[in-house]
């Protein structure tokens, strides 16, 4: 069954899935009772993506592009040539749920690349919706509040980023050129937190997606971060049980150049919020840490990134064993004093490592927080992973300590 057929079967349920359930934010109560009233706009179904608009226009409303069957639910039922995907190690964004979709124009396909993001054809759209659960123990559209939908669109002059902010009624999202903030709350590990969720503007999106070939800013261009072979070499349920994403894309004609020998394709370990750190074999800690640092940091902290001039380089393709100093082990920061700390990574002692200090920093105007964009909260699980990894390193005194 092809991609279009799979999701056509879901269209009949899209309005119910997008607007159903008593806890859905898209519903209001009847005056005479508690039965929910589904907004009329959410009951409509559209089927044709507006490809011409996507290629040439920055529309004010997300719904103008008609990427999804229901304009009230960008988490399910994509229209023609739309396919969901997931990453084995997702970028952390304040515990928000993320719904990723790839849309390819007719008669086109992505081209496989071993290490970098795939080469996508003109007209490609990558959609990522961020939705905040009331409690991280209970996810799913009906238990969450829509916050933003980010689009990456490949146009004639390259990729463009368009961030859309969902309105209060959750019936549409509007273009937020300069981003914004949304008051939200979250319960994680039985702890309730109220905070201002930050939505990036176009310039901030570009900052993270920028690639500088050979470090040359004059040749800089934008590129996707997540859709790389190592993060897609994992399973996803497309409706008939778990299937390898790369093989599925290839079988559907959405990806060309996939190696015949699948054992040659890199694969990161899966690291999700429910991954137990203590269950990770010591021999695999570096593998897990490298994957987390790659997706959360390496889009800037690599030779082609915005932080290429720092002493902290964590590109997944750079071997750790032969490039420890490049990864910050006994490395001095270039542009940050480190407060009372001296080394980016003090082997064997996470609590005296600057990268840990910067991971626990929260936005307060000091500039200590890392990553500098995309989070207001501390990623507890990621922090625990990196601290465990550093503490597992053989203790040694760094020069001059």
Protein backbone atom coordinates (compact mmCIF):
# COMPACT_ATOMS: atom_id res chain seq x y z
CA UNK A 1 0.00 0.00 0.00
CA UNK A 2 1.50 3.39 -0.95
CA UNK A 3 1.79 6.43 1.30
CA UNK A 4 -1.16 8.25 -0.17
CA UNK A 5 -3.45 5.25 0.28
CA UNK A 6 -2.45 4.82 3.90
CA UNK A 7 -3.27 8.36 4.83
CA UNK A 8 -6.39 8.55 2.66
CA UNK A 9 -7.84 5.85 4.92
CA UNK A 10 -7.29 8.16 7.85
CA UNK A 11 -9.07 11.18 6.38
CA UNK A 12 -12.49 9.98 7.54
CA UNK A 13 -11.19 10.07 11.09
CA UNK A 14 -9.10 13.23 10.85
CA UNK A 15 -11.68 15.64 12.26
CA UNK A 16 -12.48 13.33 15.16
CA UNK A 17 -8.78 12.72 15.83
CA UNK A 18 -7.99 16.40 15.38
CA UNK A 19 -10.84 17.84 17.42
CA UNK A 20 -12.30 14.97 19.43
CA UNK A 21 -12.02 14.17 23.12
CA UNK A 22 -13.26 16.07 26.14
CA UNK A 23 -9.82 17.42 26.99
CA UNK A 24 -9.13 18.83 23.51
CA UNK A 25 -8.30 22.54 23.49
CA UNK A 26 -10.08 22.90 20.14
CA UNK A 27 -13.48 22.30 21.75
CA UNK A 28 -15.94 24.30 23.78
CA UNK A 29 -18.89 23.09 25.88
CA UNK A 30 -22.57 23.34 24.96
CA UNK A 31 -24.54 25.84 27.02
CA UNK A 32 -26.89 23.17 28.26
CA UNK A 33 -24.37 20.46 29.09
CA UNK A 34 -20.83 19.22 29.00
CA UNK A 35 -20.82 17.68 25.50
CA UNK A 36 -18.06 19.27 23.45
CA UNK A 37 -18.81 21.39 20.43
CA UNK A 38 -16.40 20.93 17.55
CA UNK A 39 -15.73 24.23 15.73
CA UNK A 40 -17.24 24.10 12.27
CA UNK A 41 -13.90 24.88 10.67
CA UNK A 42 -12.42 21.76 12.26
CA UNK A 43 -15.07 19.57 10.68
CA UNK A 44 -14.02 20.49 7.18
CA UNK A 45 -11.63 18.36 5.16
CA UNK A 46 -9.27 19.50 2.41
CA UNK A 47 -7.17 17.32 0.17
CA UNK A 48 -5.03 19.37 -2.20
CA UNK A 49 -1.73 20.87 -1.06
CA UNK A 50 -1.14 24.35 -2.45
CA UNK A 51 2.29 23.67 -3.94
CA UNK A 52 2.47 26.96 -5.89
CA UNK A 53 1.92 28.95 -2.71
CA UNK A 54 4.55 26.96 -0.87
CA UNK A 55 7.11 27.67 -3.59
CA UNK A 56 6.54 31.41 -3.82
CA UNK A 57 4.51 32.88 -0.93
CA UNK A 58 4.98 33.36 2.80
CA UNK A 59 1.31 33.06 3.67
CA UNK A 60 0.06 34.51 6.94
CA UNK A 61 -1.96 31.43 7.87
CA UNK A 62 -0.66 27.88 7.96
CA UNK A 63 -3.98 26.58 6.65
CA UNK A 64 -3.45 28.44 3.37
CA UNK A 65 -0.99 25.74 2.33
CA UNK A 66 -3.44 22.88 3.04
CA UNK A 67 -0.77 20.45 4.16
CA UNK A 68 -3.15 18.49 6.39
CA UNK A 69 -6.67 17.16 5.95
CA UNK A 70 -7.88 19.11 8.99
CA UNK A 71 -6.48 22.60 9.45
CA UNK A 72 -6.99 22.15 13.21
CA UNK A 73 -4.73 19.12 13.49
CA UNK A 74 -1.19 19.27 12.06
CA UNK A 75 -0.24 16.06 13.88
CA UNK A 76 -2.07 13.54 11.68
CA UNK A 77 -3.51 12.91 8.21
CA UNK A 78 -1.09 14.75 5.92
CA UNK A 79 -2.33 15.31 2.39
CA UNK A 80 -0.77 14.02 -0.84
CA UNK A 81 2.86 12.92 -0.74
CA UNK A 82 3.01 13.57 2.98
CA UNK A 83 4.66 11.09 5.33
CA UNK A 84 5.36 11.16 9.07
CA UNK A 85 8.78 10.35 10.49
CA UNK A 86 10.58 10.22 13.81
CA UNK A 87 14.16 10.58 15.00
CA UNK A 88 15.92 8.03 17.16
CA UNK A 89 17.34 10.89 19.25
CA UNK A 90 15.13 13.99 19.14
CA UNK A 91 16.29 17.52 19.80
CA UNK A 92 15.07 18.59 23.25
CA UNK A 93 12.52 21.41 23.38
CA UNK A 94 11.05 21.75 26.87
CA UNK A 95 9.47 18.27 26.78
CA UNK A 96 7.10 19.29 23.99
CA UNK A 97 5.80 16.52 21.76
CA UNK A 98 6.96 16.85 18.15
CA UNK A 99 5.10 15.74 15.06
CA UNK A 100 7.33 15.61 11.97
CA UNK A 101 6.17 15.28 8.37
CA UNK A 102 7.93 15.27 5.03
CA UNK A 103 6.09 16.43 1.90
CA UNK A 104 7.58 15.77 -1.53
CA UNK A 105 6.15 17.02 -4.85
CA UNK A 106 4.90 14.46 -7.36
CA UNK A 107 7.51 12.47 -9.27
CA UNK A 108 10.33 13.47 -6.95
CA UNK A 109 12.44 11.82 -4.28
CA UNK A 110 15.12 12.62 -1.74
CA UNK A 111 18.68 11.44 -2.40
CA UNK A 112 20.49 9.41 0.25
CA UNK A 113 23.62 10.76 1.96
CA UNK A 114 25.80 8.80 4.37
CA UNK A 115 26.50 11.55 6.91
CA UNK A 116 24.60 14.75 6.17
CA UNK A 117 20.93 15.54 5.69
CA UNK A 118 19.52 14.04 2.52
CA UNK A 119 19.39 16.10 -0.65
CA UNK A 120 15.75 17.06 -1.15
CA UNK A 121 14.09 18.17 -4.39
CA UNK A 122 12.72 21.60 -5.14
CA UNK A 123 9.35 22.09 -3.44
CA UNK A 124 10.08 19.83 -0.47
CA UNK A 125 8.33 20.82 2.76
CA UNK A 126 9.37 19.64 6.21
CA UNK A 127 6.77 20.32 8.90
CA UNK A 128 7.42 20.06 12.63
CA UNK A 129 4.64 20.79 15.12
CA UNK A 130 5.33 21.37 18.81
CA UNK A 131 2.55 20.47 21.22
CA UNK A 132 2.75 20.66 25.01
CA UNK A 133 1.27 17.84 27.11
CA UNK A 134 -0.26 18.69 30.46
CA UNK A 135 1.67 15.72 31.81
CA UNK A 136 4.55 13.97 30.06
CA UNK A 137 3.11 10.65 31.23
CA UNK A 138 0.11 11.18 28.96
CA UNK A 139 0.90 12.32 25.44
CA UNK A 140 -1.19 12.44 22.31
CA UNK A 141 -3.02 15.25 20.52
CA UNK A 142 -6.12 15.07 22.71
CA UNK A 143 -4.02 15.63 25.84
CA UNK A 144 -1.88 18.46 24.49
CA UNK A 145 -1.94 22.14 23.57
CA UNK A 146 -0.71 23.18 20.15
CA UNK A 147 2.10 25.76 20.36
CA UNK A 148 3.84 26.17 17.02
CA UNK A 149 4.40 24.61 13.61
CA UNK A 150 7.70 25.25 11.85
CA UNK A 151 8.05 24.82 8.11
CA UNK A 152 11.24 24.32 6.11
CA UNK A 153 10.53 24.86 2.42
CA UNK A 154 13.01 24.31 -0.39
CA UNK A 155 12.53 27.09 -2.91
CA UNK A 156 14.50 28.21 -5.98
CA UNK A 157 17.07 30.05 -3.88
CA UNK A 158 17.35 27.39 -1.18
CA UNK A 159 15.64 26.55 2.08
CA UNK A 160 13.46 29.08 3.91
CA UNK A 161 12.17 28.84 7.47
CA UNK A 162 8.62 29.85 8.39
CA UNK A 163 7.49 29.65 12.06
CA UNK A 164 3.73 29.60 12.72
CA UNK A 165 2.15 30.28 16.12
CA UNK A 166 -1.18 28.66 16.98
CA UNK A 167 -4.05 30.95 17.92
CA UNK A 168 -5.91 30.70 21.23
CA UNK A 169 -8.79 28.71 19.75
CA UNK A 170 -6.31 26.29 18.12
CA UNK A 171 -8.09 26.53 14.78
CA UNK A 172 -5.15 27.92 12.82
CA UNK A 173 -1.56 29.12 13.15
CA UNK A 174 -0.27 32.53 12.06
CA UNK A 175 3.16 33.44 10.73
CA UNK A 176 5.37 34.74 13.53
CA UNK A 177 8.26 36.49 11.82
CA UNK A 178 9.83 37.59 15.10
CA UNK A 179 8.67 34.62 17.16
CA UNK A 180 6.87 34.97 20.47
CA UNK A 181 6.23 33.55 23.90
CA UNK A 182 3.38 31.43 25.22
CA UNK A 183 2.55 30.97 28.90
CA UNK A 184 2.35 27.26 29.53
CA UNK A 185 2.64 24.65 32.24
CA UNK A 186 3.92 21.11 32.35
CA UNK A 187 4.03 18.25 34.81
CA UNK A 188 7.12 16.09 34.48
CA UNK A 189 8.22 13.51 37.05
CA UNK A 190 5.29 14.66 39.24
CA UNK A 191 6.68 18.21 39.31
CA UNK A 192 4.49 21.04 37.99
CA UNK A 193 6.33 23.85 36.20
CA UNK A 194 4.94 27.12 34.84
CA UNK A 195 7.09 28.88 32.25
CA UNK A 196 7.18 31.00 29.11
CA UNK A 197 7.63 28.75 26.09
CA UNK A 198 9.79 30.57 23.52
CA UNK A 199 8.96 30.39 19.81
CA UNK A 200 11.87 31.40 17.55
CA UNK A 201 11.59 33.93 14.77
CA UNK A 202 12.92 33.49 11.25
CA UNK A 203 16.37 34.82 12.07
CA UNK A 204 16.74 32.47 15.04
CA UNK A 205 15.63 29.50 12.94
CA UNK A 206 18.21 30.41 10.32
CA UNK A 207 20.92 30.64 12.97
CA UNK A 208 20.57 26.95 13.82
CA UNK A 209 20.04 25.70 10.26
CA UNK A 210 22.99 27.53 8.72
CA UNK A 211 25.86 25.57 7.18
CA UNK A 212 29.17 27.24 6.28
CA UNK A 213 31.16 25.06 3.84
CA UNK A 214 34.81 25.04 4.89
CA UNK A 215 33.87 27.62 7.51
CA UNK A 216 33.25 30.25 4.80
CA UNK A 217 30.37 32.51 5.87
CA UNK A 218 30.11 33.93 2.33
CA UNK A 219 29.06 30.48 1.11
CA UNK A 220 26.58 29.82 3.92
CA UNK A 221 23.25 28.17 3.20
CA UNK A 222 20.38 26.68 5.19
CA UNK A 223 19.83 22.94 5.54
CA UNK A 224 17.62 20.54 7.53
CA UNK A 225 19.08 19.15 10.75
CA UNK A 226 17.14 16.00 11.60
CA UNK A 227 16.54 13.92 8.46
CA UNK A 228 19.88 12.13 8.36
CA UNK A 229 20.39 8.41 7.80
CA UNK A 230 21.66 7.75 11.33
CA UNK A 231 18.47 9.14 12.92
CA UNK A 232 16.09 7.57 10.39
CA UNK A 233 17.70 4.13 10.50
CA UNK A 234 15.06 3.13 13.05
CA UNK A 235 11.52 1.75 13.10
CA UNK A 236 8.19 3.55 12.72
CA UNK A 237 4.63 2.22 12.53
CA UNK A 238 3.06 3.34 9.25
CA UNK A 239 -0.10 1.38 9.90
CA UNK A 240 1.07 -2.18 9.33
CA UNK A 241 3.43 -2.65 12.24
CA UNK A 242 6.97 -1.40 12.74
CA UNK A 243 9.06 -0.85 9.61
CA UNK A 244 12.51 0.61 9.08
CA UNK A 245 12.00 4.21 7.99
CA UNK A 246 14.76 4.26 5.39
CA UNK A 247 13.58 1.06 3.77
CA UNK A 248 9.98 2.26 3.81
CA UNK A 249 10.86 5.59 2.19
CA UNK A 250 12.83 3.75 -0.48
CA UNK A 251 10.01 1.28 -1.15
CA UNK A 252 7.53 4.17 -1.53
CA UNK A 253 9.74 5.90 -4.06
CA UNK A 254 10.51 8.76 -1.69
CA UNK A 255 14.25 8.02 -1.33
CA UNK A 256 16.86 7.04 -3.90
CA UNK A 257 20.40 5.79 -3.42
CA UNK A 258 19.81 3.69 -0.31
CA UNK A 259 22.77 1.26 0.01
CA UNK A 260 22.01 -2.36 -0.76
CA UNK A 261 24.08 -3.39 2.24
CA UNK A 262 22.04 -1.96 5.12
CA UNK A 263 24.79 -2.88 7.59
CA UNK A 264 26.87 0.00 6.20
CA UNK A 265 24.31 2.59 7.33
CA UNK A 266 25.08 4.30 10.63
CA UNK A 267 22.42 4.13 13.35
CA UNK A 268 22.32 6.08 16.58
CA UNK A 269 20.92 4.38 19.67
CA UNK A 270 17.40 5.40 20.58
CA UNK A 271 17.39 7.90 23.43
CA UNK A 272 13.93 9.01 24.54
CA UNK A 273 12.58 10.42 27.85
CA UNK A 274 11.87 6.92 29.16
CA UNK A 275 15.37 5.60 28.43
CA UNK A 276 16.87 4.36 31.70
CA UNK A 277 20.43 5.67 32.02
CA UNK A 278 21.40 2.79 34.28
CA UNK A 279 20.40 0.32 31.56
CA UNK A 280 22.96 1.69 29.10
CA UNK A 281 26.03 -0.59 28.98
CA UNK A 282 29.23 1.29 29.94
CA UNK A 283 30.72 0.36 26.58
CA UNK A 284 27.85 2.22 24.85
CA UNK A 285 27.89 5.44 26.90
CA UNK A 286 30.05 7.32 24.42
CA UNK A 287 27.79 6.20 21.57
CA UNK A 288 24.71 7.54 23.39
CA UNK A 289 26.43 10.74 24.48
CA UNK A 290 27.76 11.39 20.98
CA UNK A 291 24.26 11.00 19.54
CA UNK A 292 22.69 13.37 22.10
CA UNK A 293 25.43 15.99 21.64
CA UNK A 294 25.19 15.68 17.86
CA UNK A 295 21.47 16.41 17.59
CA UNK A 296 21.38 19.02 20.36
CA UNK A 297 24.69 20.81 19.78
CA UNK A 298 26.51 19.84 16.60
CA UNK A 299 24.42 21.90 14.18
CA UNK A 300 26.50 24.81 15.61
CA UNK A 301 29.45 23.01 17.22
CA UNK A 302 31.05 21.61 14.09
CA UNK A 303 33.49 22.89 11.48
CA UNK A 304 30.61 24.08 9.27
CA UNK A 305 28.48 25.53 12.08
CA UNK A 306 28.04 28.88 13.76
CA UNK A 307 30.24 27.84 16.71
CA UNK A 308 33.10 26.51 14.58
CA UNK A 309 35.54 28.83 16.35
CA UNK A 310 34.98 27.29 19.78
CA UNK A 311 36.97 24.55 21.53
CA UNK A 312 33.91 22.28 21.62
CA UNK A 313 33.26 20.28 18.43
CA UNK A 314 30.85 17.35 18.62
CA UNK A 315 30.05 16.36 15.06
CA UNK A 316 28.88 12.75 15.20
CA UNK A 317 31.28 11.81 12.41
CA UNK A 318 34.33 12.93 14.40
CA UNK A 319 35.62 9.89 16.37
CA UNK A 320 35.82 10.58 20.08
CA UNK A 321 38.79 8.35 20.87
CA UNK A 322 41.12 10.22 18.52
CA UNK A 323 39.61 13.70 19.02
CA UNK A 324 39.01 13.99 22.76
CA UNK A 325 40.42 17.48 22.99
CA UNK A 326 38.11 18.59 20.16
CA UNK A 327 35.19 17.28 22.19
CA UNK A 328 36.25 19.48 25.09
CA UNK A 329 38.11 16.96 27.24
CA UNK A 330 40.62 19.08 29.16
CA UNK A 331 39.72 21.85 26.75
CA UNK A 332 39.77 25.55 27.61
CA UNK A 333 36.74 27.64 26.58
CA UNK A 334 37.44 30.24 23.91
CA UNK A 335 34.86 32.92 24.70
CA UNK A 336 33.50 32.00 28.12
CA UNK A 337 35.29 32.37 31.43
CA UNK A 338 33.57 29.40 33.00
CA UNK A 339 32.99 31.21 36.30
CA UNK A 340 35.04 29.23 38.84
CA UNK A 341 35.48 26.29 36.43
CA UNK A 342 38.43 25.77 34.11
CA UNK A 343 37.72 22.94 31.68
CA UNK A 344 34.94 22.18 29.23
CA UNK A 345 35.09 18.55 30.31
CA UNK A 346 37.00 17.44 33.38
CA UNK A 347 37.34 13.68 32.83
CA UNK A 348 35.85 11.71 35.68
CA UNK A 349 34.20 14.77 37.28
CA UNK A 350 31.03 16.02 35.64
CA UNK A 351 30.24 18.60 38.32
CA UNK A 352 33.41 20.56 37.52
CA UNK A 353 32.86 20.46 33.75
CA UNK A 354 31.77 23.67 32.06
CA UNK A 355 29.50 21.94 29.56
CA UNK A 356 27.46 20.52 32.46
CA UNK A 357 27.26 23.96 34.06
CA UNK A 358 25.97 25.37 30.78
CA UNK A 359 23.43 22.56 30.38
CA UNK A 360 21.91 23.36 33.79
CA UNK A 361 21.89 27.12 33.19
CA UNK A 362 18.50 28.65 32.44
CA UNK A 363 17.76 31.79 30.41
CA UNK A 364 18.59 34.76 32.67
CA UNK A 365 20.36 37.15 30.33
CA UNK A 366 23.84 35.93 31.26
CA UNK A 367 24.32 33.95 28.06
CA UNK A 368 25.44 30.88 30.01
CA UNK A 369 22.64 28.64 28.74
CA UNK A 370 23.42 26.01 26.13
CA UNK A 371 21.92 25.51 23.70
CA UNK A 372 21.29 29.28 23.60
CA UNK A 373 17.98 28.83 21.76
CA UNK A 374 15.12 26.38 21.90
CA UNK A 375 14.78 25.63 25.57
CA UNK A 376 13.64 27.26 28.79
CA UNK A 377 13.89 24.12 30.94
CA UNK A 378 16.73 21.74 31.75
CA UNK A 379 16.68 18.43 29.93
CA UNK A 380 17.03 16.21 32.98
CA UNK A 381 17.49 12.98 31.08
CA UNK A 382 20.04 14.46 28.69
CA UNK A 383 21.89 16.01 31.62
CA UNK A 384 21.95 12.68 33.43
CA UNK A 385 23.34 10.98 30.30
CA UNK A 386 26.15 13.49 29.79
CA UNK A 387 27.07 13.52 33.48
CA UNK A 388 27.18 9.72 33.58
CA UNK A 389 29.36 9.70 30.47
CA UNK A 390 31.83 12.24 31.88
CA UNK A 391 31.96 10.50 35.26
CA UNK A 392 32.73 7.22 33.49
CA UNK A 393 35.88 8.66 31.92
CA UNK A 394 39.18 7.74 33.62
CA UNK A 395 39.98 10.58 36.00
CA UNK A 396 42.97 12.67 35.06
CA UNK A 397 44.34 16.08 35.93
CA UNK A 398 44.16 18.54 33.06
CA UNK A 399 47.32 20.53 32.36
CA UNK A 400 47.56 23.61 34.56
CA UNK A 401 44.82 22.49 36.96
